[in-house]
Amino acid sequence: MSAESIQIYGRHTSYNVQKVLWLADELGLVYTHTEIGGRFQGNTTAEFLKMNPLGKVPVLRIGSRTVWESNTILRFLADSYSKNEWLSQEPYLRSQSDRWLDWSIDQLEVAFVGVFWGFYRTPPEKRDNQSIQKSVVDCELCLKVLGNQLTDKEFLLGKTPTIADISTGVFLHRLNAIDIQIQIPPSVDRWYANLSQRAGYRKWVMSDFSELEGRSEF
């Protein structure tokens, strides 16, 4: 791919934006990061809507081309810059990553949002504790699935990380950091420790998100 300018748009406190920033750092990319959305606003302007008609972050712009949806951006960056390290070009091996990316949206993110938004981002007097507890149970079931996969592995697919780890591991820090009891399997704890040693994870995923506490709007 030619040396076109790379721009990443989205507020750094968004876990979906964090996925993209984390991978960009892992790949050693030179990019410009523009804070958009949340308290930064800017995601409903005509200019931004030309890049993503949904008005959501993250958005990746390379030259005149734009890509949106976080897991799609992960695949695009891995295909473009990683030479098989972060996403295999062999169809079956690629499908192993794709399964986790799809599952992370369909199952893990749904459970996580129920906990994080229901508990952390909702003021105490407005919380639906029954719904939160259901989401905790759902989250623990997802963590058990991850734990079984990680029983004999350092990362989800083996000894080295892939975008499967990024799409799922981005949720771990917040589940560990917020003040709610969630059972995390030992193998997931070990995985979290492995991820925490990576500079991109520490910089972006483990960054301060306290401005979101009790804030129920985007």
N, C-alpha and C. Protein backbone atom coordinates (compact mmCIF):
# COMPACT_ATOMS: atom_id res chain seq x y z
N MET A 1 0.85 -1.19 0.00
CA MET A 1 0.00 0.00 0.00
C MET A 1 0.88 1.24 0.00
N SER A 2 0.51 2.26 -0.73
CA SER A 2 1.32 3.48 -0.82
C SER A 2 1.31 4.22 0.50
N ALA A 3 2.27 5.11 0.65
CA ALA A 3 2.44 5.85 1.91
C ALA A 3 1.47 7.01 1.97
N GLU A 4 0.20 6.72 2.05
CA GLU A 4 -0.82 7.76 2.18
C GLU A 4 -0.99 8.11 3.65
N SER A 5 -1.48 9.31 3.92
CA SER A 5 -1.69 9.72 5.30
C SER A 5 -2.78 8.87 5.94
N ILE A 6 -2.57 8.53 7.21
CA ILE A 6 -3.51 7.71 7.97
C ILE A 6 -4.10 8.56 9.08
N GLN A 7 -5.42 8.61 9.13
CA GLN A 7 -6.11 9.38 10.16
C GLN A 7 -7.13 8.48 10.86
N ILE A 8 -7.16 8.58 12.17
CA ILE A 8 -8.11 7.82 12.99
C ILE A 8 -8.97 8.82 13.75
N TYR A 9 -10.27 8.69 13.58
CA TYR A 9 -11.20 9.60 14.22
C TYR A 9 -11.99 8.86 15.30
N GLY A 10 -12.10 9.48 16.47
CA GLY A 10 -12.90 8.91 17.54
C GLY A 10 -12.33 9.23 18.90
N ARG A 11 -13.22 9.40 19.87
CA ARG A 11 -12.77 9.72 21.23
C ARG A 11 -12.02 8.54 21.83
N HIS A 12 -10.94 8.83 22.55
CA HIS A 12 -10.08 7.78 23.05
C HIS A 12 -10.73 6.95 24.15
N THR A 13 -11.84 7.44 24.74
CA THR A 13 -12.53 6.66 25.78
C THR A 13 -13.51 5.65 25.21
N SER A 14 -13.67 5.62 23.90
CA SER A 14 -14.52 4.60 23.27
C SER A 14 -13.72 3.31 23.09
N TYR A 15 -14.24 2.20 23.60
CA TYR A 15 -13.50 0.94 23.47
C TYR A 15 -13.36 0.52 22.01
N ASN A 16 -14.31 0.90 21.17
CA ASN A 16 -14.19 0.57 19.75
C ASN A 16 -13.07 1.37 19.08
N VAL A 17 -12.90 2.61 19.50
CA VAL A 17 -11.78 3.41 19.00
C VAL A 17 -10.46 2.87 19.54
N GLN A 18 -10.48 2.44 20.79
CA GLN A 18 -9.27 1.88 21.40
C GLN A 18 -8.76 0.66 20.63
N LYS A 19 -9.66 -0.15 20.12
CA LYS A 19 -9.24 -1.30 19.31
C LYS A 19 -8.34 -0.85 18.16
N VAL A 20 -8.80 0.18 17.46
CA VAL A 20 -8.10 0.64 16.26
C VAL A 20 -6.76 1.29 16.63
N LEU A 21 -6.77 2.12 17.66
CA LEU A 21 -5.53 2.78 18.09
C LEU A 21 -4.51 1.75 18.58
N TRP A 22 -4.99 0.76 19.32
CA TRP A 22 -4.11 -0.30 19.81
C TRP A 22 -3.44 -1.03 18.66
N LEU A 23 -4.24 -1.48 17.67
CA LEU A 23 -3.66 -2.19 16.55
C LEU A 23 -2.73 -1.29 15.74
N ALA A 24 -3.10 -0.05 15.54
CA ALA A 24 -2.24 0.88 14.79
C ALA A 24 -0.87 0.98 15.45
N ASP A 25 -0.85 1.03 16.78
CA ASP A 25 0.43 1.08 17.49
C ASP A 25 1.19 -0.23 17.36
N GLU A 26 0.49 -1.35 17.44
CA GLU A 26 1.14 -2.66 17.28
C GLU A 26 1.80 -2.77 15.91
N LEU A 27 1.17 -2.18 14.90
CA LEU A 27 1.69 -2.25 13.53
C LEU A 27 2.75 -1.19 13.26
N GLY A 28 2.98 -0.31 14.24
CA GLY A 28 3.98 0.73 14.05
C GLY A 28 3.59 1.78 13.03
N LEU A 29 2.29 2.01 12.88
CA LEU A 29 1.83 2.97 11.89
C LEU A 29 2.03 4.40 12.36
N VAL A 30 2.28 5.27 11.43
CA VAL A 30 2.33 6.71 11.70
C VAL A 30 0.95 7.26 11.32
N TYR A 31 0.26 7.82 12.29
CA TYR A 31 -1.11 8.26 12.04
C TYR A 31 -1.41 9.53 12.84
N THR A 32 -2.48 10.18 12.44
CA THR A 32 -3.02 11.32 13.18
C THR A 32 -4.31 10.88 13.85
N HIS A 33 -4.44 11.19 15.14
CA HIS A 33 -5.65 10.83 15.87
C HIS A 33 -6.43 12.10 16.19
N THR A 34 -7.68 12.13 15.77
CA THR A 34 -8.56 13.27 16.03
C THR A 34 -9.70 12.83 16.94
N GLU A 35 -9.82 13.51 18.09
CA GLU A 35 -10.89 13.19 19.04
C GLU A 35 -12.23 13.65 18.48
N ILE A 36 -13.14 12.71 18.31
CA ILE A 36 -14.47 13.00 17.78
C ILE A 36 -15.48 12.22 18.62
N GLY A 37 -16.65 12.80 18.85
CA GLY A 37 -17.70 12.12 19.58
C GLY A 37 -17.64 12.39 21.06
N GLY A 38 -18.73 12.03 21.77
CA GLY A 38 -18.79 12.28 23.20
C GLY A 38 -18.65 13.76 23.49
N ARG A 39 -17.84 14.11 24.51
CA ARG A 39 -17.68 15.51 24.87
C ARG A 39 -16.98 16.32 23.80
N PHE A 40 -16.30 15.62 22.86
CA PHE A 40 -15.62 16.33 21.78
C PHE A 40 -16.58 16.71 20.65
N GLN A 41 -17.71 15.98 20.58
CA GLN A 41 -18.73 16.20 19.55
C GLN A 41 -18.12 16.06 18.14
N GLY A 42 -18.74 16.65 17.15
CA GLY A 42 -18.21 16.65 15.80
C GLY A 42 -18.65 15.49 14.93
N ASN A 43 -19.37 14.49 15.51
CA ASN A 43 -19.73 13.32 14.72
C ASN A 43 -21.06 13.46 13.99
N THR A 44 -21.68 14.63 14.09
CA THR A 44 -22.93 14.86 13.34
C THR A 44 -22.75 15.94 12.29
N THR A 45 -21.53 16.39 12.07
CA THR A 45 -21.29 17.40 11.04
C THR A 45 -21.41 16.77 9.65
N ALA A 46 -21.69 17.60 8.67
CA ALA A 46 -21.79 17.12 7.29
C ALA A 46 -20.49 16.48 6.84
N GLU A 47 -19.37 17.06 7.27
CA GLU A 47 -18.06 16.53 6.89
C GLU A 47 -17.84 15.12 7.44
N PHE A 48 -18.20 14.93 8.72
CA PHE A 48 -18.01 13.60 9.31
C PHE A 48 -18.98 12.59 8.70
N LEU A 49 -20.22 13.00 8.47
CA LEU A 49 -21.22 12.09 7.92
C LEU A 49 -20.87 11.64 6.50
N LYS A 50 -20.05 12.41 5.80
CA LYS A 50 -19.57 11.95 4.50
C LYS A 50 -18.62 10.77 4.67
N MET A 51 -17.89 10.74 5.78
CA MET A 51 -16.98 9.63 6.03
C MET A 51 -17.72 8.42 6.59
N ASN A 52 -18.69 8.66 7.47
CA ASN A 52 -19.50 7.57 8.02
C ASN A 52 -20.93 8.05 8.15
N PRO A 53 -21.82 7.60 7.29
CA PRO A 53 -23.21 8.08 7.31
C PRO A 53 -23.95 7.72 8.59
N LEU A 54 -23.40 6.79 9.39
CA LEU A 54 -24.03 6.44 10.66
C LEU A 54 -23.68 7.43 11.77
N GLY A 55 -22.67 8.25 11.53
CA GLY A 55 -22.28 9.24 12.53
C GLY A 55 -21.59 8.65 13.75
N LYS A 56 -20.99 7.48 13.59
CA LYS A 56 -20.35 6.80 14.71
C LYS A 56 -18.84 6.72 14.53
N VAL A 57 -18.15 6.56 15.66
CA VAL A 57 -16.71 6.33 15.64
C VAL A 57 -16.46 4.87 16.03
N PRO A 58 -15.29 4.35 15.59
CA PRO A 58 -14.19 4.99 14.90
C PRO A 58 -14.39 5.06 13.38
N VAL A 59 -13.61 5.96 12.79
CA VAL A 59 -13.47 6.02 11.34
C VAL A 59 -11.99 6.06 11.02
N LEU A 60 -11.59 5.25 10.07
CA LEU A 60 -10.22 5.26 9.56
C LEU A 60 -10.23 5.93 8.19
N ARG A 61 -9.32 6.85 7.99
CA ARG A 61 -9.20 7.49 6.68
C ARG A 61 -7.76 7.34 6.21
N ILE A 62 -7.62 6.76 5.02
CA ILE A 62 -6.30 6.62 4.40
C ILE A 62 -6.38 7.30 3.04
N GLY A 63 -5.69 8.42 2.92
CA GLY A 63 -5.83 9.22 1.71
C GLY A 63 -7.27 9.69 1.58
N SER A 64 -7.92 9.34 0.50
CA SER A 64 -9.31 9.74 0.28
C SER A 64 -10.30 8.64 0.63
N ARG A 65 -9.79 7.49 1.09
CA ARG A 65 -10.66 6.35 1.38
C ARG A 65 -10.98 6.29 2.87
N THR A 66 -12.20 5.90 3.19
CA THR A 66 -12.60 5.78 4.58
C THR A 66 -13.13 4.37 4.86
N VAL A 67 -12.89 3.93 6.08
CA VAL A 67 -13.39 2.64 6.55
C VAL A 67 -14.02 2.87 7.92
N TRP A 68 -15.20 2.29 8.15
CA TRP A 68 -15.83 2.38 9.46
C TRP A 68 -16.32 1.02 9.91
N GLU A 69 -16.73 0.93 11.16
CA GLU A 69 -17.00 -0.28 11.94
C GLU A 69 -15.67 -0.85 12.44
N SER A 70 -15.54 -0.90 13.76
CA SER A 70 -14.24 -1.18 14.38
C SER A 70 -13.62 -2.51 13.94
N ASN A 71 -14.39 -3.59 13.92
CA ASN A 71 -13.80 -4.87 13.54
C ASN A 71 -13.45 -4.93 12.05
N THR A 72 -14.22 -4.21 11.24
CA THR A 72 -13.87 -4.11 9.82
C THR A 72 -12.56 -3.36 9.67
N ILE A 73 -12.37 -2.32 10.46
CA ILE A 73 -11.11 -1.57 10.42
C ILE A 73 -9.96 -2.46 10.85
N LEU A 74 -10.16 -3.29 11.88
CA LEU A 74 -9.10 -4.21 12.31
C LEU A 74 -8.69 -5.13 11.16
N ARG A 75 -9.67 -5.69 10.48
CA ARG A 75 -9.36 -6.59 9.35
C ARG A 75 -8.62 -5.83 8.25
N PHE A 76 -9.08 -4.63 7.95
CA PHE A 76 -8.46 -3.84 6.89
C PHE A 76 -7.00 -3.52 7.22
N LEU A 77 -6.75 -3.07 8.44
CA LEU A 77 -5.38 -2.74 8.83
C LEU A 77 -4.49 -3.97 8.84
N ALA A 78 -5.01 -5.08 9.36
CA ALA A 78 -4.21 -6.31 9.39
C ALA A 78 -3.91 -6.80 7.99
N ASP A 79 -4.91 -6.76 7.12
CA ASP A 79 -4.69 -7.17 5.72
C ASP A 79 -3.68 -6.27 5.02
N SER A 80 -3.72 -4.99 5.34
CA SER A 80 -2.92 -4.01 4.61
C SER A 80 -1.48 -3.93 5.11
N TYR A 81 -1.27 -4.16 6.41
CA TYR A 81 0.03 -3.84 6.98
C TYR A 81 0.71 -4.94 7.79
N SER A 82 0.05 -6.08 8.04
CA SER A 82 0.63 -7.01 9.02
C SER A 82 1.34 -8.22 8.41
N LYS A 83 1.18 -8.48 7.12
CA LYS A 83 1.87 -9.60 6.48
C LYS A 83 1.64 -10.92 7.22
N ASN A 84 0.38 -11.21 7.51
CA ASN A 84 -0.05 -12.48 8.12
C ASN A 84 0.12 -12.56 9.64
N GLU A 85 0.83 -11.61 10.27
CA GLU A 85 1.04 -11.75 11.70
C GLU A 85 -0.25 -11.58 12.50
N TRP A 86 -1.06 -10.60 12.15
CA TRP A 86 -2.25 -10.30 12.94
C TRP A 86 -3.53 -10.89 12.35
N LEU A 87 -3.47 -11.29 11.09
CA LEU A 87 -4.63 -11.95 10.46
C LEU A 87 -4.12 -12.79 9.30
N SER A 88 -4.32 -14.10 9.41
CA SER A 88 -3.81 -15.01 8.39
C SER A 88 -4.54 -14.82 7.07
N GLN A 89 -3.83 -15.03 5.98
CA GLN A 89 -4.44 -15.01 4.64
C GLN A 89 -4.93 -16.40 4.23
N GLU A 90 -4.56 -17.42 4.99
CA GLU A 90 -5.03 -18.78 4.70
C GLU A 90 -6.48 -18.88 5.18
N PRO A 91 -7.39 -19.31 4.32
CA PRO A 91 -8.82 -19.22 4.65
C PRO A 91 -9.23 -19.85 5.97
N TYR A 92 -8.77 -21.06 6.26
CA TYR A 92 -9.21 -21.69 7.49
C TYR A 92 -8.66 -20.97 8.72
N LEU A 93 -7.37 -20.63 8.69
CA LEU A 93 -6.79 -19.91 9.82
C LEU A 93 -7.43 -18.54 9.99
N ARG A 94 -7.76 -17.92 8.87
CA ARG A 94 -8.44 -16.62 8.95
C ARG A 94 -9.80 -16.78 9.61
N SER A 95 -10.47 -17.87 9.31
CA SER A 95 -11.80 -18.07 9.89
C SER A 95 -11.73 -18.18 11.41
N GLN A 96 -10.60 -18.65 11.94
CA GLN A 96 -10.46 -18.75 13.39
C GLN A 96 -10.50 -17.37 14.04
N SER A 97 -9.86 -16.41 13.41
CA SER A 97 -9.94 -15.03 13.91
C SER A 97 -11.34 -14.46 13.70
N ASP A 98 -11.89 -14.69 12.52
CA ASP A 98 -13.19 -14.11 12.20
C ASP A 98 -14.27 -14.57 13.17
N ARG A 99 -14.19 -15.82 13.61
CA ARG A 99 -15.19 -16.33 14.55
C ARG A 99 -15.21 -15.49 15.83
N TRP A 100 -14.01 -15.19 16.34
CA TRP A 100 -13.93 -14.43 17.59
C TRP A 100 -14.36 -12.98 17.38
N LEU A 101 -14.05 -12.42 16.22
CA LEU A 101 -14.50 -11.06 15.95
C LEU A 101 -16.03 -11.00 15.89
N ASP A 102 -16.64 -11.98 15.24
CA ASP A 102 -18.10 -12.01 15.17
C ASP A 102 -18.72 -12.26 16.54
N TRP A 103 -18.15 -13.21 17.27
CA TRP A 103 -18.66 -13.54 18.60
C TRP A 103 -18.52 -12.36 19.56
N SER A 104 -17.43 -11.61 19.43
CA SER A 104 -17.20 -10.48 20.34
C SER A 104 -18.31 -9.45 20.21
N ILE A 105 -18.85 -9.28 19.01
CA ILE A 105 -19.94 -8.33 18.80
C ILE A 105 -21.28 -8.93 19.20
N ASP A 106 -21.51 -10.17 18.82
CA ASP A 106 -22.81 -10.81 19.03
C ASP A 106 -23.06 -11.21 20.48
N GLN A 107 -22.01 -11.59 21.21
CA GLN A 107 -22.18 -12.11 22.56
C GLN A 107 -21.47 -11.26 23.62
N LEU A 108 -20.15 -11.15 23.49
CA LEU A 108 -19.37 -10.52 24.56
C LEU A 108 -19.70 -9.04 24.72
N GLU A 109 -19.77 -8.31 23.62
CA GLU A 109 -20.04 -6.88 23.73
C GLU A 109 -21.43 -6.62 24.32
N VAL A 110 -22.40 -7.43 23.94
CA VAL A 110 -23.76 -7.25 24.47
C VAL A 110 -23.76 -7.41 25.99
N ALA A 111 -23.09 -8.46 26.47
CA ALA A 111 -23.02 -8.68 27.91
C ALA A 111 -22.24 -7.57 28.60
N PHE A 112 -21.12 -7.18 28.01
CA PHE A 112 -20.30 -6.12 28.58
C PHE A 112 -21.07 -4.82 28.69
N VAL A 113 -21.77 -4.44 27.63
CA VAL A 113 -22.52 -3.18 27.64
C VAL A 113 -23.58 -3.21 28.75
N GLY A 114 -24.21 -4.36 28.94
CA GLY A 114 -25.20 -4.46 30.00
C GLY A 114 -24.62 -4.18 31.37
N VAL A 115 -23.36 -4.60 31.58
CA VAL A 115 -22.67 -4.33 32.85
C VAL A 115 -22.14 -2.91 32.89
N PHE A 116 -21.38 -2.52 31.87
CA PHE A 116 -20.68 -1.24 31.92
C PHE A 116 -21.65 -0.06 31.85
N TRP A 117 -22.58 -0.12 30.91
CA TRP A 117 -23.56 0.96 30.83
C TRP A 117 -24.58 0.87 31.97
N GLY A 118 -25.04 -0.34 32.24
CA GLY A 118 -26.05 -0.50 33.27
C GLY A 118 -25.56 -0.10 34.65
N PHE A 119 -24.29 -0.42 34.95
CA PHE A 119 -23.75 -0.14 36.28
C PHE A 119 -22.91 1.14 36.31
N TYR A 120 -21.88 1.21 35.48
CA TYR A 120 -20.90 2.29 35.61
C TYR A 120 -21.39 3.60 35.01
N ARG A 121 -22.05 3.52 33.87
CA ARG A 121 -22.44 4.75 33.18
C ARG A 121 -23.84 5.24 33.56
N THR A 122 -24.51 4.51 34.41
CA THR A 122 -25.83 4.92 34.87
C THR A 122 -25.74 5.43 36.31
N PRO A 123 -26.28 6.59 36.60
CA PRO A 123 -26.29 7.07 37.98
C PRO A 123 -26.95 6.05 38.91
N PRO A 124 -26.44 5.89 40.14
CA PRO A 124 -26.95 4.85 41.05
C PRO A 124 -28.46 4.84 41.21
N GLU A 125 -29.07 6.01 41.27
CA GLU A 125 -30.51 6.07 41.51
C GLU A 125 -31.33 5.64 40.30
N LYS A 126 -30.68 5.49 39.15
CA LYS A 126 -31.40 5.10 37.93
C LYS A 126 -31.08 3.67 37.49
N ARG A 127 -30.26 2.96 38.23
CA ARG A 127 -29.84 1.63 37.82
C ARG A 127 -30.96 0.60 37.95
N ASP A 128 -30.98 -0.31 37.00
CA ASP A 128 -31.88 -1.46 37.05
C ASP A 128 -31.04 -2.64 37.52
N ASN A 129 -31.02 -2.89 38.82
CA ASN A 129 -30.11 -3.89 39.39
C ASN A 129 -30.40 -5.30 38.90
N GLN A 130 -31.64 -5.61 38.64
CA GLN A 130 -31.97 -6.93 38.12
C GLN A 130 -31.38 -7.14 36.74
N SER A 131 -31.48 -6.12 35.90
CA SER A 131 -30.91 -6.20 34.56
C SER A 131 -29.39 -6.27 34.63
N ILE A 132 -28.80 -5.52 35.55
CA ILE A 132 -27.35 -5.55 35.70
C ILE A 132 -26.88 -6.94 36.09
N GLN A 133 -27.56 -7.56 37.04
CA GLN A 133 -27.15 -8.89 37.48
C GLN A 133 -27.27 -9.93 36.37
N LYS A 134 -28.30 -9.80 35.54
CA LYS A 134 -28.43 -10.69 34.39
C LYS A 134 -27.23 -10.51 33.46
N SER A 135 -26.83 -9.26 33.24
CA SER A 135 -25.68 -8.99 32.37
C SER A 135 -24.39 -9.52 32.98
N VAL A 136 -24.28 -9.45 34.30
CA VAL A 136 -23.10 -10.02 34.97
C VAL A 136 -23.01 -11.51 34.70
N VAL A 137 -24.14 -12.20 34.83
CA VAL A 137 -24.17 -13.63 34.55
C VAL A 137 -23.78 -13.90 33.09
N ASP A 138 -24.35 -13.14 32.18
CA ASP A 138 -24.03 -13.30 30.76
C ASP A 138 -22.54 -13.05 30.51
N CYS A 139 -22.00 -12.04 31.18
CA CYS A 139 -20.59 -11.71 31.02
C CYS A 139 -19.72 -12.86 31.54
N GLU A 140 -20.08 -13.42 32.66
CA GLU A 140 -19.31 -14.52 33.23
C GLU A 140 -19.36 -15.75 32.32
N LEU A 141 -20.49 -15.97 31.66
CA LEU A 141 -20.57 -17.07 30.70
C LEU A 141 -19.63 -16.84 29.52
N CYS A 142 -19.56 -15.60 29.05
CA CYS A 142 -18.63 -15.28 27.96
C CYS A 142 -17.18 -15.44 28.40
N LEU A 143 -16.88 -15.00 29.61
CA LEU A 143 -15.53 -15.13 30.14
C LEU A 143 -15.15 -16.61 30.31
N LYS A 144 -16.12 -17.43 30.63
CA LYS A 144 -15.86 -18.87 30.73
C LYS A 144 -15.49 -19.44 29.37
N VAL A 145 -16.19 -19.00 28.32
CA VAL A 145 -15.85 -19.43 26.95
C VAL A 145 -14.41 -19.04 26.62
N LEU A 146 -14.06 -17.80 26.94
CA LEU A 146 -12.69 -17.34 26.70
C LEU A 146 -11.69 -18.15 27.54
N GLY A 147 -12.08 -18.40 28.79
CA GLY A 147 -11.19 -19.16 29.67
C GLY A 147 -10.90 -20.55 29.15
N ASN A 148 -11.91 -21.20 28.61
CA ASN A 148 -11.70 -22.54 28.05
C ASN A 148 -10.77 -22.50 26.85
N GLN A 149 -10.93 -21.47 26.02
CA GLN A 149 -10.07 -21.32 24.86
C GLN A 149 -8.63 -21.06 25.26
N LEU A 150 -8.43 -20.38 26.38
CA LEU A 150 -7.10 -19.94 26.80
C LEU A 150 -6.41 -20.91 27.76
N THR A 151 -7.02 -22.04 28.02
CA THR A 151 -6.49 -22.98 29.01
C THR A 151 -5.03 -23.32 28.76
N ASP A 152 -4.68 -23.58 27.51
CA ASP A 152 -3.31 -23.97 27.18
C ASP A 152 -2.67 -23.02 26.18
N LYS A 153 -3.16 -21.76 26.16
CA LYS A 153 -2.65 -20.79 25.19
C LYS A 153 -2.29 -19.48 25.88
N GLU A 154 -1.29 -18.78 25.34
CA GLU A 154 -0.95 -17.44 25.83
C GLU A 154 -1.92 -16.41 25.29
N PHE A 155 -2.33 -16.60 24.03
CA PHE A 155 -3.30 -15.72 23.39
C PHE A 155 -4.38 -16.60 22.77
N LEU A 156 -5.44 -16.01 22.25
CA LEU A 156 -6.60 -16.79 21.83
C LEU A 156 -6.29 -17.87 20.81
N LEU A 157 -5.39 -17.57 19.88
CA LEU A 157 -5.09 -18.54 18.83
C LEU A 157 -3.73 -19.20 18.98
N GLY A 158 -3.01 -18.89 20.05
CA GLY A 158 -1.72 -19.54 20.22
C GLY A 158 -0.72 -18.68 20.98
N LYS A 159 0.52 -18.68 20.51
CA LYS A 159 1.60 -18.03 21.24
C LYS A 159 1.72 -16.54 20.94
N THR A 160 1.09 -16.09 19.88
CA THR A 160 1.20 -14.67 19.51
C THR A 160 -0.20 -14.07 19.35
N PRO A 161 -0.33 -12.78 19.61
CA PRO A 161 -1.65 -12.15 19.51
C PRO A 161 -2.08 -11.94 18.07
N THR A 162 -3.38 -11.92 17.87
CA THR A 162 -3.99 -11.60 16.58
C THR A 162 -5.10 -10.58 16.82
N ILE A 163 -5.77 -10.19 15.76
CA ILE A 163 -6.87 -9.25 15.97
C ILE A 163 -8.02 -9.89 16.74
N ALA A 164 -8.03 -11.21 16.87
CA ALA A 164 -9.01 -11.86 17.74
C ALA A 164 -8.82 -11.41 19.18
N ASP A 165 -7.57 -11.25 19.60
CA ASP A 165 -7.29 -10.78 20.96
C ASP A 165 -7.69 -9.32 21.13
N ILE A 166 -7.53 -8.53 20.09
CA ILE A 166 -7.90 -7.13 20.19
C ILE A 166 -9.40 -6.96 20.30
N SER A 167 -10.15 -7.68 19.47
CA SER A 167 -11.61 -7.51 19.46
C SER A 167 -12.26 -7.98 20.76
N THR A 168 -11.61 -8.89 21.47
CA THR A 168 -12.18 -9.41 22.72
C THR A 168 -11.48 -8.83 23.95
N GLY A 169 -10.15 -8.68 23.87
CA GLY A 169 -9.38 -8.24 25.02
C GLY A 169 -9.61 -6.80 25.41
N VAL A 170 -10.18 -6.01 24.51
CA VAL A 170 -10.41 -4.60 24.80
C VAL A 170 -11.38 -4.41 25.97
N PHE A 171 -12.20 -5.41 26.26
CA PHE A 171 -13.20 -5.27 27.31
C PHE A 171 -12.65 -5.61 28.70
N LEU A 172 -11.53 -6.30 28.76
CA LEU A 172 -11.06 -6.85 30.03
C LEU A 172 -10.69 -5.80 31.06
N HIS A 173 -10.03 -4.75 30.62
CA HIS A 173 -9.57 -3.76 31.60
C HIS A 173 -10.74 -3.15 32.36
N ARG A 174 -11.80 -2.80 31.65
CA ARG A 174 -12.93 -2.16 32.32
C ARG A 174 -13.65 -3.13 33.25
N LEU A 175 -13.73 -4.39 32.85
CA LEU A 175 -14.35 -5.36 33.73
C LEU A 175 -13.54 -5.55 35.01
N ASN A 176 -12.23 -5.40 34.91
CA ASN A 176 -11.37 -5.48 36.09
C ASN A 176 -11.40 -4.20 36.90
N ALA A 177 -11.59 -3.07 36.25
CA ALA A 177 -11.42 -1.79 36.92
C ALA A 177 -12.66 -1.28 37.63
N ILE A 178 -13.85 -1.59 37.13
CA ILE A 178 -15.05 -1.04 37.75
C ILE A 178 -15.41 -1.83 39.01
N ASP A 179 -16.12 -1.19 39.92
CA ASP A 179 -16.38 -1.74 41.24
C ASP A 179 -17.62 -2.63 41.24
N ILE A 180 -17.49 -3.76 40.57
CA ILE A 180 -18.57 -4.74 40.54
C ILE A 180 -17.96 -6.13 40.51
N GLN A 181 -18.59 -7.06 41.20
CA GLN A 181 -18.04 -8.41 41.32
C GLN A 181 -18.35 -9.24 40.06
N ILE A 182 -17.28 -9.65 39.38
CA ILE A 182 -17.41 -10.52 38.21
C ILE A 182 -16.35 -11.62 38.34
N GLN A 183 -16.76 -12.86 38.21
CA GLN A 183 -15.84 -13.98 38.29
C GLN A 183 -15.05 -14.10 36.98
N ILE A 184 -13.74 -13.98 37.09
CA ILE A 184 -12.87 -14.06 35.91
C ILE A 184 -11.99 -15.30 36.03
N PRO A 185 -12.07 -16.23 35.07
CA PRO A 185 -11.28 -17.46 35.14
C PRO A 185 -9.78 -17.17 35.19
N PRO A 186 -9.02 -18.05 35.87
CA PRO A 186 -7.56 -17.84 35.98
C PRO A 186 -6.87 -17.69 34.62
N SER A 187 -7.29 -18.47 33.63
CA SER A 187 -6.63 -18.38 32.32
C SER A 187 -6.91 -17.04 31.65
N VAL A 188 -8.07 -16.45 31.93
CA VAL A 188 -8.37 -15.11 31.40
C VAL A 188 -7.53 -14.07 32.13
N ASP A 189 -7.34 -14.26 33.44
CA ASP A 189 -6.45 -13.36 34.18
C ASP A 189 -5.03 -13.39 33.63
N ARG A 190 -4.56 -14.59 33.28
CA ARG A 190 -3.21 -14.70 32.71
C ARG A 190 -3.14 -13.99 31.36
N TRP A 191 -4.17 -14.16 30.57
CA TRP A 191 -4.26 -13.48 29.27
C TRP A 191 -4.26 -11.97 29.46
N TYR A 192 -5.04 -11.50 30.41
CA TYR A 192 -5.08 -10.06 30.71
C TYR A 192 -3.69 -9.55 31.10
N ALA A 193 -2.97 -10.34 31.88
CA ALA A 193 -1.60 -9.96 32.25
C ALA A 193 -0.70 -9.88 31.02
N ASN A 194 -0.87 -10.82 30.08
CA ASN A 194 -0.10 -10.79 28.83
C ASN A 194 -0.43 -9.55 28.01
N LEU A 195 -1.72 -9.25 27.90
CA LEU A 195 -2.13 -8.07 27.14
C LEU A 195 -1.61 -6.79 27.79
N SER A 196 -1.60 -6.78 29.12
CA SER A 196 -1.20 -5.58 29.85
C SER A 196 0.28 -5.25 29.69
N GLN A 197 1.05 -6.21 29.19
CA GLN A 197 2.46 -5.96 28.95
C GLN A 197 2.71 -5.26 27.60
N ARG A 198 1.68 -5.16 26.79
CA ARG A 198 1.83 -4.58 25.47
C ARG A 198 1.60 -3.07 25.53
N ALA A 199 2.51 -2.33 24.93
CA ALA A 199 2.49 -0.87 25.06
C ALA A 199 1.19 -0.26 24.55
N GLY A 200 0.69 -0.74 23.42
CA GLY A 200 -0.55 -0.20 22.88
C GLY A 200 -1.74 -0.44 23.78
N TYR A 201 -1.77 -1.59 24.43
CA TYR A 201 -2.86 -1.91 25.37
C TYR A 201 -2.79 -0.97 26.57
N ARG A 202 -1.59 -0.80 27.10
CA ARG A 202 -1.44 0.08 28.27
C ARG A 202 -1.82 1.52 27.92
N LYS A 203 -1.38 1.98 26.76
CA LYS A 203 -1.62 3.37 26.40
C LYS A 203 -3.09 3.67 26.15
N TRP A 204 -3.76 2.80 25.41
CA TRP A 204 -5.11 3.10 24.97
C TRP A 204 -6.18 2.42 25.81
N VAL A 205 -6.09 1.11 25.96
CA VAL A 205 -7.15 0.37 26.65
C VAL A 205 -7.14 0.65 28.15
N MET A 206 -5.94 0.80 28.73
CA MET A 206 -5.83 1.02 30.16
C MET A 206 -5.80 2.51 30.51
N SER A 207 -6.22 3.35 29.60
CA SER A 207 -6.26 4.79 29.85
C SER A 207 -7.45 5.13 30.75
N ASP A 208 -7.43 6.32 31.29
CA ASP A 208 -8.45 6.78 32.23
C ASP A 208 -9.80 6.95 31.52
N PHE A 209 -10.82 6.31 32.06
CA PHE A 209 -12.16 6.46 31.49
C PHE A 209 -13.14 7.01 32.52
N SER A 210 -12.63 7.60 33.60
CA SER A 210 -13.48 8.04 34.70
C SER A 210 -14.48 9.12 34.30
N GLU A 211 -14.20 9.84 33.21
CA GLU A 211 -15.15 10.87 32.77
C GLU A 211 -16.49 10.27 32.35
N LEU A 212 -16.52 8.95 32.14
CA LEU A 212 -17.76 8.29 31.71
C LEU A 212 -18.64 7.87 32.87
N GLU A 213 -18.13 7.91 34.09
CA GLU A 213 -18.90 7.41 35.23
C GLU A 213 -20.15 8.24 35.43
N GLY A 214 -21.29 7.54 35.51
CA GLY A 214 -22.57 8.20 35.73
C GLY A 214 -23.08 9.01 34.55
N ARG A 215 -22.39 8.87 33.42
CA ARG A 215 -22.78 9.63 32.23
C ARG A 215 -23.52 8.71 31.26
N SER A 216 -24.81 8.84 31.18
CA SER A 216 -25.62 7.89 30.43
C SER A 216 -25.81 8.26 28.97
N GLU A 217 -25.31 9.45 28.58
CA GLU A 217 -25.41 9.83 27.17
C GLU A 217 -24.05 9.64 26.51
N PHE A 218 -24.05 9.54 25.17
CA PHE A 218 -22.80 9.40 24.44
C PHE A 218 -21.98 10.67 24.56
